[in-house]
Amino acid sequence: MKVKLSCDEATAICSKNQYGEASIADKFRMVFHVLFCAVCRLYSKQNTIITKCMPSVNKDVVVKKALKIEEKEEMEIKIKEMVE
């Protein structure tokens, strides 16, 4: 198992981690990478914010890949609140 990850590998593991699909070894490797990579650290933070906003979105709409304007506005407000 290699410890050093590329940014592509780290972001893939980050996405898996958001849904509880990353192994403990992968989580360790991702955390180690994020300690030294500001870009992946930002990606991880943004991914977490987006994931927290998603439960309020109607799952049927997500499958269709189209959100109502009200849902987009609600999500935008939540993201701005979390970032500030």
Protein backbone atom coordinates (compact mmCIF):
# COMPACT_ATOMS: atom_id res chain seq x y z
CA MET A 1 0.00 0.00 0.00
CA LYS A 2 1.44 3.34 -1.00
CA VAL A 3 0.94 6.17 1.46
CA LYS A 4 1.43 9.08 -0.91
CA LEU A 5 -1.63 9.93 -3.03
CA SER A 6 -2.10 12.06 -6.10
CA CYS A 7 -4.72 14.80 -5.89
CA ASP A 8 -7.01 12.76 -8.14
CA GLU A 9 -6.80 9.77 -5.78
CA ALA A 10 -7.33 11.98 -2.72
CA THR A 11 -10.47 13.61 -4.13
CA ALA A 12 -11.88 10.21 -5.12
CA ILE A 13 -11.33 8.94 -1.56
CA CYS A 14 -12.82 12.16 -0.17
CA SER A 15 -15.98 11.58 -2.18
CA LYS A 16 -16.17 7.95 -1.02
CA ASN A 17 -15.64 9.10 2.57
CA GLN A 18 -18.63 11.45 2.40
CA TYR A 19 -20.87 8.43 1.86
CA GLY A 20 -19.11 6.08 4.29
CA GLU A 21 -17.52 3.98 1.55
CA ALA A 22 -13.82 4.71 2.25
CA SER A 23 -11.72 2.16 4.13
CA ILE A 24 -9.77 3.13 7.24
CA ALA A 25 -6.51 2.91 5.29
CA ASP A 26 -7.90 5.19 2.58
CA LYS A 27 -9.12 7.69 5.19
CA PHE A 28 -5.64 7.76 6.75
CA ARG A 29 -4.01 8.30 3.36
CA MET A 30 -6.47 11.07 2.50
CA VAL A 31 -5.97 12.87 5.82
CA PHE A 32 -2.20 12.67 5.36
CA HIS A 33 -2.51 14.11 1.84
CA VAL A 34 -4.87 16.91 2.93
CA LEU A 35 -2.42 18.00 5.62
CA PHE A 36 0.01 19.05 2.90
CA CYS A 37 -2.27 19.95 -0.01
CA ALA A 38 -4.29 23.17 0.29
CA VAL A 39 -6.25 22.47 -2.90
CA CYS A 40 -7.49 19.07 -1.69
CA ARG A 41 -8.18 20.53 1.76
CA LEU A 42 -10.47 23.11 0.11
CA TYR A 43 -12.10 20.39 -2.04
CA SER A 44 -12.78 18.32 1.08
CA LYS A 45 -14.32 21.29 2.87
CA GLN A 46 -16.54 22.18 -0.10
CA ASN A 47 -17.56 18.55 -0.58
CA THR A 48 -18.62 18.34 3.07
CA ILE A 49 -20.72 21.50 2.77
CA ILE A 50 -22.47 20.27 -0.37
CA THR A 51 -23.15 16.87 1.20
CA LYS A 52 -24.72 18.52 4.26
CA CYS A 53 -27.02 20.55 2.01
CA MET A 54 -28.22 17.58 -0.01
CA PRO A 55 -30.63 15.93 2.49
CA SER A 56 -33.08 18.79 1.98
CA VAL A 57 -33.24 18.17 -1.77
CA ASN A 58 -35.99 15.93 -3.11
CA LYS A 59 -34.28 12.66 -4.14
CA ASP A 60 -36.53 12.22 -7.20
CA VAL A 61 -35.33 15.55 -8.56
CA VAL A 62 -31.67 14.58 -8.08
CA VAL A 63 -32.21 11.45 -10.17
CA LYS A 64 -33.61 13.63 -12.96
CA LYS A 65 -30.57 15.93 -12.56
CA ALA A 66 -32.68 19.07 -12.37
CA LEU A 67 -33.48 21.18 -9.35
CA LYS A 68 -36.31 23.63 -8.98
CA ILE A 69 -35.29 27.29 -8.71
CA GLU A 70 -36.46 27.37 -5.07
CA GLU A 71 -34.30 24.34 -4.24
CA LYS A 72 -31.27 25.94 -5.91
CA GLU A 73 -31.80 29.17 -3.97
CA GLU A 74 -32.23 27.27 -0.69
CA MET A 75 -29.03 25.32 -1.32
CA GLU A 76 -27.14 28.50 -2.24
CA ILE A 77 -28.24 30.19 1.01
CA LYS A 78 -27.18 27.18 3.09
CA ILE A 79 -23.77 27.03 1.40
CA LYS A 80 -23.18 30.75 1.98
CA GLU A 81 -24.14 30.38 5.65
CA MET A 82 -21.74 27.45 6.12
CA VAL A 83 -18.85 29.21 4.39
CA GLU A 84 -19.17 32.44 6.39
